[in-house]
Amino acid sequence: MAGNYADLGLAYSQRVRSAGSQRDASLASNAYGRFLSQQRGRRQQADLTRASNQQLGKLAASYGVRGLRNSGVRQRGVSDFATGVQQQAQDIADRVRQEQQQSVLDDASVSAAYEQLVADAELQKMRDIYATALSLQDYMPFLGS
């Protein structure tokens, strides 16, 4: 039974507002996390490009010093180097993509939790109204009906 009839509906509204605030804060946090993930991925890609360009020059020079400038050994070494750099770039892109997908799942989870909280609050509101209506039936004899 509802203890305070003047409170009917107010607790519901407060619970829904609170759940909405929690949802909004979580969604904002997830959006910021996505932004940081994208920034981190771009920075890592730029660092990899810069480092690989520096290392490629050193690699080519090392083959020239050894007299292997136009050899198959040099071609194989450069090919292996390029493959390694490409794999690292793909790993960075995969990591960013996974973080983005996780963020989307987190958003969906937050939204589902909000919907559940609202549904629970609505159900509690209905129960309170029903309990109040039942308790008011006790006063029917005093109303002359």
N, C-alpha and C. Protein backbone atom coordinates (compact mmCIF):
# COMPACT_ATOMS: atom_id res chain seq x y z
N MET A 1 0.85 -1.17 0.00
CA MET A 1 0.00 0.00 0.00
C MET A 1 0.90 1.24 0.00
N ALA A 2 0.45 2.23 -0.72
CA ALA A 2 1.23 3.47 -0.79
C ALA A 2 1.09 4.20 0.54
N GLY A 3 2.21 4.56 1.10
CA GLY A 3 2.21 5.21 2.40
C GLY A 3 1.83 6.68 2.32
N ASN A 4 2.15 7.32 1.24
CA ASN A 4 1.89 8.75 1.10
C ASN A 4 1.18 8.97 -0.23
N TYR A 5 -0.12 9.29 -0.17
CA TYR A 5 -0.90 9.42 -1.40
C TYR A 5 -0.45 10.60 -2.25
N ALA A 6 0.11 11.62 -1.65
CA ALA A 6 0.57 12.78 -2.40
C ALA A 6 1.80 12.46 -3.24
N ASP A 7 2.47 11.35 -2.93
CA ASP A 7 3.70 10.98 -3.63
C ASP A 7 3.41 10.19 -4.89
N LEU A 8 2.19 9.78 -5.12
CA LEU A 8 1.89 8.93 -6.27
C LEU A 8 2.31 9.62 -7.56
N GLY A 9 3.09 8.95 -8.35
CA GLY A 9 3.55 9.48 -9.61
C GLY A 9 4.85 10.26 -9.51
N LEU A 10 5.11 10.89 -8.39
CA LEU A 10 6.33 11.70 -8.26
C LEU A 10 7.57 10.81 -8.20
N ALA A 11 7.47 9.73 -7.45
CA ALA A 11 8.61 8.81 -7.37
C ALA A 11 8.89 8.21 -8.75
N TYR A 12 7.82 7.92 -9.50
CA TYR A 12 7.98 7.38 -10.84
C TYR A 12 8.75 8.37 -11.72
N SER A 13 8.32 9.61 -11.71
CA SER A 13 8.97 10.63 -12.54
C SER A 13 10.43 10.80 -12.15
N GLN A 14 10.70 10.78 -10.86
CA GLN A 14 12.08 10.94 -10.40
C GLN A 14 12.92 9.75 -10.84
N ARG A 15 12.39 8.54 -10.75
CA ARG A 15 13.13 7.35 -11.17
C ARG A 15 13.42 7.40 -12.67
N VAL A 16 12.45 7.82 -13.46
CA VAL A 16 12.63 7.89 -14.91
C VAL A 16 13.67 8.97 -15.25
N ARG A 17 13.60 10.12 -14.59
CA ARG A 17 14.59 11.18 -14.83
C ARG A 17 15.99 10.70 -14.46
N SER A 18 16.08 10.02 -13.32
CA SER A 18 17.38 9.52 -12.87
C SER A 18 17.93 8.50 -13.86
N ALA A 19 17.08 7.59 -14.31
CA ALA A 19 17.52 6.59 -15.28
C ALA A 19 17.93 7.26 -16.59
N GLY A 20 17.20 8.29 -17.00
CA GLY A 20 17.55 9.02 -18.21
C GLY A 20 18.88 9.72 -18.07
N SER A 21 19.13 10.29 -16.91
CA SER A 21 20.40 10.97 -16.66
C SER A 21 21.56 9.97 -16.69
N GLN A 22 21.35 8.81 -16.08
CA GLN A 22 22.39 7.77 -16.09
C GLN A 22 22.65 7.31 -17.51
N ARG A 23 21.58 7.10 -18.28
CA ARG A 23 21.73 6.66 -19.67
C ARG A 23 22.50 7.71 -20.46
N ASP A 24 22.09 8.97 -20.34
CA ASP A 24 22.74 10.04 -21.09
C ASP A 24 24.23 10.16 -20.73
N ALA A 25 24.54 10.03 -19.46
CA ALA A 25 25.94 10.10 -19.03
C ALA A 25 26.74 8.93 -19.61
N SER A 26 26.16 7.75 -19.59
CA SER A 26 26.86 6.58 -20.15
C SER A 26 27.04 6.71 -21.65
N LEU A 27 26.02 7.17 -22.35
CA LEU A 27 26.13 7.34 -23.80
C LEU A 27 27.17 8.40 -24.15
N ALA A 28 27.21 9.48 -23.37
CA ALA A 28 28.22 10.52 -23.61
C ALA A 28 29.62 9.97 -23.35
N SER A 29 29.76 9.20 -22.30
CA SER A 29 31.05 8.60 -21.98
C SER A 29 31.50 7.65 -23.10
N ASN A 30 30.56 6.86 -23.61
CA ASN A 30 30.88 5.94 -24.70
C ASN A 30 31.26 6.71 -25.97
N ALA A 31 30.56 7.79 -26.25
CA ALA A 31 30.88 8.59 -27.43
C ALA A 31 32.29 9.20 -27.30
N TYR A 32 32.62 9.66 -26.12
CA TYR A 32 33.96 10.21 -25.90
C TYR A 32 35.01 9.11 -26.04
N GLY A 33 34.70 7.92 -25.54
CA GLY A 33 35.61 6.78 -25.69
C GLY A 33 35.83 6.44 -27.16
N ARG A 34 34.76 6.50 -27.97
CA ARG A 34 34.91 6.25 -29.41
C ARG A 34 35.81 7.31 -30.05
N PHE A 35 35.59 8.55 -29.67
CA PHE A 35 36.42 9.64 -30.19
C PHE A 35 37.89 9.41 -29.85
N LEU A 36 38.17 9.07 -28.59
CA LEU A 36 39.55 8.83 -28.17
C LEU A 36 40.15 7.63 -28.90
N SER A 37 39.35 6.60 -29.11
CA SER A 37 39.82 5.43 -29.82
C SER A 37 40.21 5.78 -31.25
N GLN A 38 39.38 6.59 -31.91
CA GLN A 38 39.71 7.01 -33.27
C GLN A 38 40.97 7.85 -33.30
N GLN A 39 41.09 8.75 -32.35
CA GLN A 39 42.30 9.58 -32.27
C GLN A 39 43.54 8.71 -32.05
N ARG A 40 43.42 7.77 -31.12
CA ARG A 40 44.55 6.89 -30.81
C ARG A 40 44.94 6.09 -32.05
N GLY A 41 43.93 5.58 -32.77
CA GLY A 41 44.21 4.81 -33.98
C GLY A 41 44.91 5.65 -35.04
N ARG A 42 44.44 6.88 -35.25
CA ARG A 42 45.09 7.77 -36.24
C ARG A 42 46.53 8.07 -35.83
N ARG A 43 46.72 8.33 -34.54
CA ARG A 43 48.07 8.64 -34.05
C ARG A 43 48.99 7.43 -34.22
N GLN A 44 48.49 6.24 -33.91
CA GLN A 44 49.31 5.04 -34.07
C GLN A 44 49.64 4.78 -35.53
N GLN A 45 48.67 5.02 -36.41
CA GLN A 45 48.92 4.85 -37.85
C GLN A 45 49.98 5.84 -38.33
N ALA A 46 49.87 7.10 -37.89
CA ALA A 46 50.85 8.12 -38.29
C ALA A 46 52.24 7.76 -37.75
N ASP A 47 52.31 7.30 -36.51
CA ASP A 47 53.59 6.90 -35.93
C ASP A 47 54.20 5.73 -36.70
N LEU A 48 53.35 4.77 -37.06
CA LEU A 48 53.83 3.62 -37.82
C LEU A 48 54.35 4.05 -39.18
N THR A 49 53.62 4.93 -39.86
CA THR A 49 54.06 5.42 -41.17
C THR A 49 55.39 6.15 -41.07
N ARG A 50 55.50 7.01 -40.08
CA ARG A 50 56.73 7.77 -39.89
C ARG A 50 57.90 6.82 -39.59
N ALA A 51 57.69 5.91 -38.68
CA ALA A 51 58.77 4.98 -38.30
C ALA A 51 59.14 4.06 -39.47
N SER A 52 58.15 3.59 -40.21
CA SER A 52 58.46 2.68 -41.32
C SER A 52 59.19 3.41 -42.44
N ASN A 53 58.85 4.67 -42.69
CA ASN A 53 59.58 5.44 -43.70
C ASN A 53 61.04 5.61 -43.31
N GLN A 54 61.29 5.88 -42.04
CA GLN A 54 62.67 6.02 -41.56
C GLN A 54 63.41 4.70 -41.66
N GLN A 55 62.76 3.63 -41.25
CA GLN A 55 63.40 2.32 -41.27
C GLN A 55 63.62 1.81 -42.68
N LEU A 56 62.70 2.15 -43.60
CA LEU A 56 62.86 1.70 -44.99
C LEU A 56 64.10 2.32 -45.61
N GLY A 57 64.33 3.60 -45.31
CA GLY A 57 65.56 4.24 -45.82
C GLY A 57 66.81 3.56 -45.29
N LYS A 58 66.81 3.24 -44.02
CA LYS A 58 67.96 2.55 -43.41
C LYS A 58 68.12 1.16 -44.00
N LEU A 59 67.00 0.48 -44.23
CA LEU A 59 67.04 -0.87 -44.78
C LEU A 59 67.63 -0.84 -46.19
N ALA A 60 67.16 0.09 -47.02
CA ALA A 60 67.68 0.19 -48.39
C ALA A 60 69.17 0.54 -48.38
N ALA A 61 69.55 1.43 -47.50
CA ALA A 61 70.97 1.81 -47.41
C ALA A 61 71.83 0.63 -46.96
N SER A 62 71.32 -0.18 -46.06
CA SER A 62 72.11 -1.32 -45.58
C SER A 62 72.36 -2.33 -46.69
N TYR A 63 71.40 -2.51 -47.60
CA TYR A 63 71.62 -3.42 -48.72
C TYR A 63 72.62 -2.81 -49.71
N GLY A 64 72.59 -1.49 -49.87
CA GLY A 64 73.55 -0.83 -50.76
C GLY A 64 74.97 -0.95 -50.25
N VAL A 65 75.15 -0.83 -48.95
CA VAL A 65 76.48 -0.94 -48.34
C VAL A 65 77.05 -2.33 -48.55
N ARG A 66 76.19 -3.32 -48.52
CA ARG A 66 76.65 -4.70 -48.66
C ARG A 66 76.76 -5.13 -50.13
N GLY A 67 76.46 -4.22 -51.05
CA GLY A 67 76.57 -4.54 -52.48
C GLY A 67 75.39 -5.36 -52.99
N LEU A 68 74.25 -5.29 -52.31
CA LEU A 68 73.07 -6.09 -52.70
C LEU A 68 71.95 -5.19 -53.21
N ARG A 69 72.32 -4.05 -53.81
CA ARG A 69 71.34 -3.04 -54.19
C ARG A 69 70.26 -3.60 -55.12
N ASN A 70 70.60 -4.40 -56.10
CA ASN A 70 69.63 -4.89 -57.08
C ASN A 70 69.44 -6.40 -56.99
N SER A 71 69.64 -6.96 -55.84
CA SER A 71 69.58 -8.42 -55.71
C SER A 71 68.21 -8.90 -55.26
N GLY A 72 67.99 -10.18 -55.41
CA GLY A 72 66.76 -10.80 -54.92
C GLY A 72 66.70 -10.78 -53.40
N VAL A 73 67.84 -10.81 -52.75
CA VAL A 73 67.88 -10.75 -51.28
C VAL A 73 67.30 -9.41 -50.81
N ARG A 74 67.69 -8.34 -51.49
CA ARG A 74 67.17 -7.01 -51.14
C ARG A 74 65.66 -6.96 -51.38
N GLN A 75 65.23 -7.47 -52.52
CA GLN A 75 63.80 -7.45 -52.84
C GLN A 75 63.01 -8.24 -51.80
N ARG A 76 63.55 -9.37 -51.40
CA ARG A 76 62.88 -10.19 -50.39
C ARG A 76 62.84 -9.46 -49.04
N GLY A 77 63.94 -8.82 -48.66
CA GLY A 77 64.00 -8.08 -47.40
C GLY A 77 63.01 -6.92 -47.38
N VAL A 78 62.95 -6.17 -48.48
CA VAL A 78 62.02 -5.04 -48.57
C VAL A 78 60.58 -5.56 -48.57
N SER A 79 60.35 -6.65 -49.26
CA SER A 79 59.00 -7.25 -49.29
C SER A 79 58.58 -7.70 -47.89
N ASP A 80 59.48 -8.36 -47.19
CA ASP A 80 59.17 -8.79 -45.81
C ASP A 80 58.91 -7.59 -44.90
N PHE A 81 59.71 -6.55 -45.08
CA PHE A 81 59.53 -5.33 -44.28
C PHE A 81 58.16 -4.72 -44.57
N ALA A 82 57.79 -4.60 -45.84
CA ALA A 82 56.50 -4.01 -46.22
C ALA A 82 55.34 -4.86 -45.70
N THR A 83 55.51 -6.17 -45.75
CA THR A 83 54.47 -7.06 -45.23
C THR A 83 54.30 -6.86 -43.73
N GLY A 84 55.40 -6.74 -43.01
CA GLY A 84 55.33 -6.51 -41.56
C GLY A 84 54.67 -5.20 -41.21
N VAL A 85 54.99 -4.15 -41.97
CA VAL A 85 54.38 -2.84 -41.72
C VAL A 85 52.89 -2.90 -42.02
N GLN A 86 52.54 -3.56 -43.13
CA GLN A 86 51.13 -3.69 -43.49
C GLN A 86 50.37 -4.48 -42.42
N GLN A 87 50.97 -5.51 -41.87
CA GLN A 87 50.33 -6.29 -40.81
C GLN A 87 50.12 -5.45 -39.56
N GLN A 88 51.12 -4.66 -39.21
CA GLN A 88 50.98 -3.78 -38.05
C GLN A 88 49.86 -2.76 -38.28
N ALA A 89 49.78 -2.20 -39.48
CA ALA A 89 48.72 -1.23 -39.79
C ALA A 89 47.35 -1.91 -39.70
N GLN A 90 47.27 -3.14 -40.20
CA GLN A 90 46.00 -3.88 -40.13
C GLN A 90 45.63 -4.18 -38.68
N ASP A 91 46.62 -4.51 -37.86
CA ASP A 91 46.37 -4.77 -36.44
C ASP A 91 45.82 -3.52 -35.75
N ILE A 92 46.38 -2.37 -36.08
CA ILE A 92 45.89 -1.11 -35.49
C ILE A 92 44.45 -0.88 -35.92
N ALA A 93 44.18 -1.04 -37.22
CA ALA A 93 42.82 -0.82 -37.73
C ALA A 93 41.83 -1.81 -37.10
N ASP A 94 42.24 -3.06 -36.94
CA ASP A 94 41.37 -4.07 -36.32
C ASP A 94 41.08 -3.72 -34.86
N ARG A 95 42.09 -3.26 -34.15
CA ARG A 95 41.91 -2.90 -32.75
C ARG A 95 40.92 -1.73 -32.62
N VAL A 96 41.07 -0.72 -33.48
CA VAL A 96 40.16 0.42 -33.45
C VAL A 96 38.74 -0.04 -33.79
N ARG A 97 38.61 -0.89 -34.80
CA ARG A 97 37.29 -1.41 -35.19
C ARG A 97 36.65 -2.20 -34.05
N GLN A 98 37.43 -3.01 -33.37
CA GLN A 98 36.90 -3.78 -32.23
C GLN A 98 36.45 -2.86 -31.11
N GLU A 99 37.23 -1.82 -30.84
CA GLU A 99 36.84 -0.86 -29.81
C GLU A 99 35.56 -0.14 -30.18
N GLN A 100 35.41 0.18 -31.46
CA GLN A 100 34.19 0.84 -31.93
C GLN A 100 32.98 -0.10 -31.79
N GLN A 101 33.17 -1.35 -32.17
CA GLN A 101 32.08 -2.32 -32.05
C GLN A 101 31.70 -2.53 -30.59
N GLN A 102 32.68 -2.58 -29.70
CA GLN A 102 32.39 -2.74 -28.28
C GLN A 102 31.61 -1.54 -27.76
N SER A 103 31.97 -0.36 -28.24
CA SER A 103 31.26 0.85 -27.82
C SER A 103 29.81 0.82 -28.28
N VAL A 104 29.57 0.33 -29.48
CA VAL A 104 28.20 0.21 -29.99
C VAL A 104 27.41 -0.78 -29.13
N LEU A 105 28.05 -1.89 -28.76
CA LEU A 105 27.39 -2.86 -27.87
C LEU A 105 27.11 -2.24 -26.51
N ASP A 106 28.05 -1.46 -26.01
CA ASP A 106 27.85 -0.79 -24.72
C ASP A 106 26.67 0.18 -24.80
N ASP A 107 26.57 0.92 -25.91
CA ASP A 107 25.44 1.82 -26.10
C ASP A 107 24.12 1.05 -26.09
N ALA A 108 24.09 -0.06 -26.79
CA ALA A 108 22.87 -0.87 -26.83
C ALA A 108 22.53 -1.40 -25.44
N SER A 109 23.53 -1.81 -24.70
CA SER A 109 23.31 -2.31 -23.34
C SER A 109 22.77 -1.21 -22.43
N VAL A 110 23.34 -0.01 -22.55
CA VAL A 110 22.88 1.12 -21.74
C VAL A 110 21.43 1.45 -22.08
N SER A 111 21.12 1.45 -23.36
CA SER A 111 19.75 1.76 -23.78
C SER A 111 18.77 0.70 -23.29
N ALA A 112 19.17 -0.56 -23.37
CA ALA A 112 18.31 -1.64 -22.89
C ALA A 112 18.10 -1.53 -21.38
N ALA A 113 19.15 -1.20 -20.65
CA ALA A 113 19.02 -1.04 -19.19
C ALA A 113 18.07 0.11 -18.87
N TYR A 114 18.17 1.20 -19.62
CA TYR A 114 17.26 2.33 -19.42
C TYR A 114 15.82 1.91 -19.66
N GLU A 115 15.59 1.22 -20.77
CA GLU A 115 14.23 0.78 -21.08
C GLU A 115 13.69 -0.14 -19.99
N GLN A 116 14.55 -1.00 -19.45
CA GLN A 116 14.13 -1.90 -18.38
C GLN A 116 13.80 -1.12 -17.11
N LEU A 117 14.62 -0.13 -16.78
CA LEU A 117 14.35 0.69 -15.60
C LEU A 117 13.03 1.45 -15.74
N VAL A 118 12.79 1.98 -16.92
CA VAL A 118 11.53 2.70 -17.16
C VAL A 118 10.35 1.73 -17.04
N ALA A 119 10.49 0.55 -17.62
CA ALA A 119 9.41 -0.44 -17.54
C ALA A 119 9.17 -0.86 -16.09
N ASP A 120 10.24 -1.07 -15.33
CA ASP A 120 10.10 -1.43 -13.92
C ASP A 120 9.43 -0.31 -13.13
N ALA A 121 9.82 0.94 -13.42
CA ALA A 121 9.21 2.07 -12.73
C ALA A 121 7.73 2.19 -13.08
N GLU A 122 7.40 1.96 -14.33
CA GLU A 122 6.00 2.01 -14.76
C GLU A 122 5.18 0.91 -14.07
N LEU A 123 5.77 -0.27 -13.98
CA LEU A 123 5.09 -1.37 -13.29
C LEU A 123 4.88 -1.05 -11.82
N GLN A 124 5.90 -0.49 -11.18
CA GLN A 124 5.76 -0.11 -9.77
C GLN A 124 4.70 0.96 -9.60
N LYS A 125 4.64 1.88 -10.52
CA LYS A 125 3.62 2.93 -10.47
C LYS A 125 2.22 2.31 -10.56
N MET A 126 2.06 1.36 -11.47
CA MET A 126 0.76 0.68 -11.59
C MET A 126 0.41 -0.08 -10.32
N ARG A 127 1.41 -0.73 -9.74
CA ARG A 127 1.16 -1.45 -8.49
C ARG A 127 0.75 -0.50 -7.37
N ASP A 128 1.42 0.65 -7.30
CA ASP A 128 1.07 1.64 -6.27
C ASP A 128 -0.35 2.16 -6.47
N ILE A 129 -0.72 2.42 -7.70
CA ILE A 129 -2.07 2.90 -7.98
C ILE A 129 -3.10 1.83 -7.61
N TYR A 130 -2.81 0.60 -7.96
CA TYR A 130 -3.72 -0.50 -7.64
C TYR A 130 -3.85 -0.66 -6.12
N ALA A 131 -2.71 -0.60 -5.41
CA ALA A 131 -2.75 -0.74 -3.96
C ALA A 131 -3.53 0.41 -3.33
N THR A 132 -3.38 1.61 -3.86
CA THR A 132 -4.11 2.76 -3.35
C THR A 132 -5.60 2.60 -3.60
N ALA A 133 -5.94 2.14 -4.80
CA ALA A 133 -7.35 1.93 -5.12
C ALA A 133 -7.98 0.89 -4.19
N LEU A 134 -7.24 -0.17 -3.90
CA LEU A 134 -7.75 -1.18 -2.99
C LEU A 134 -7.95 -0.62 -1.59
N SER A 135 -6.98 0.20 -1.15
CA SER A 135 -7.10 0.76 0.20
C SER A 135 -8.25 1.77 0.27
N LEU A 136 -8.54 2.45 -0.84
CA LEU A 136 -9.65 3.41 -0.85
C LEU A 136 -11.01 2.72 -0.79
N GLN A 137 -11.06 1.47 -1.21
CA GLN A 137 -12.33 0.72 -1.13
C GLN A 137 -12.77 0.54 0.32
N ASP A 138 -11.82 0.58 1.23
CA ASP A 138 -12.16 0.47 2.66
C ASP A 138 -13.00 1.66 3.12
N TYR A 139 -12.94 2.77 2.42
CA TYR A 139 -13.68 3.96 2.81
C TYR A 139 -15.04 4.07 2.10
N MET A 140 -15.36 3.13 1.24
CA MET A 140 -16.64 3.16 0.51
C MET A 140 -17.84 3.22 1.44
N PRO A 141 -17.86 2.48 2.56
CA PRO A 141 -19.04 2.56 3.44
C PRO A 141 -19.27 3.97 4.00
N PHE A 142 -18.24 4.76 4.13
CA PHE A 142 -18.38 6.09 4.68
C PHE A 142 -18.86 7.10 3.65
N LEU A 143 -18.85 6.71 2.40
CA LEU A 143 -19.25 7.64 1.32
C LEU A 143 -20.74 7.51 1.02
N GLY A 144 -21.44 6.63 1.65
CA GLY A 144 -22.87 6.49 1.44
C GLY A 144 -23.24 5.67 0.23
N SER A 145 -22.33 4.95 -0.29
CA SER A 145 -22.64 4.14 -1.46
C SER A 145 -23.09 2.77 -1.10
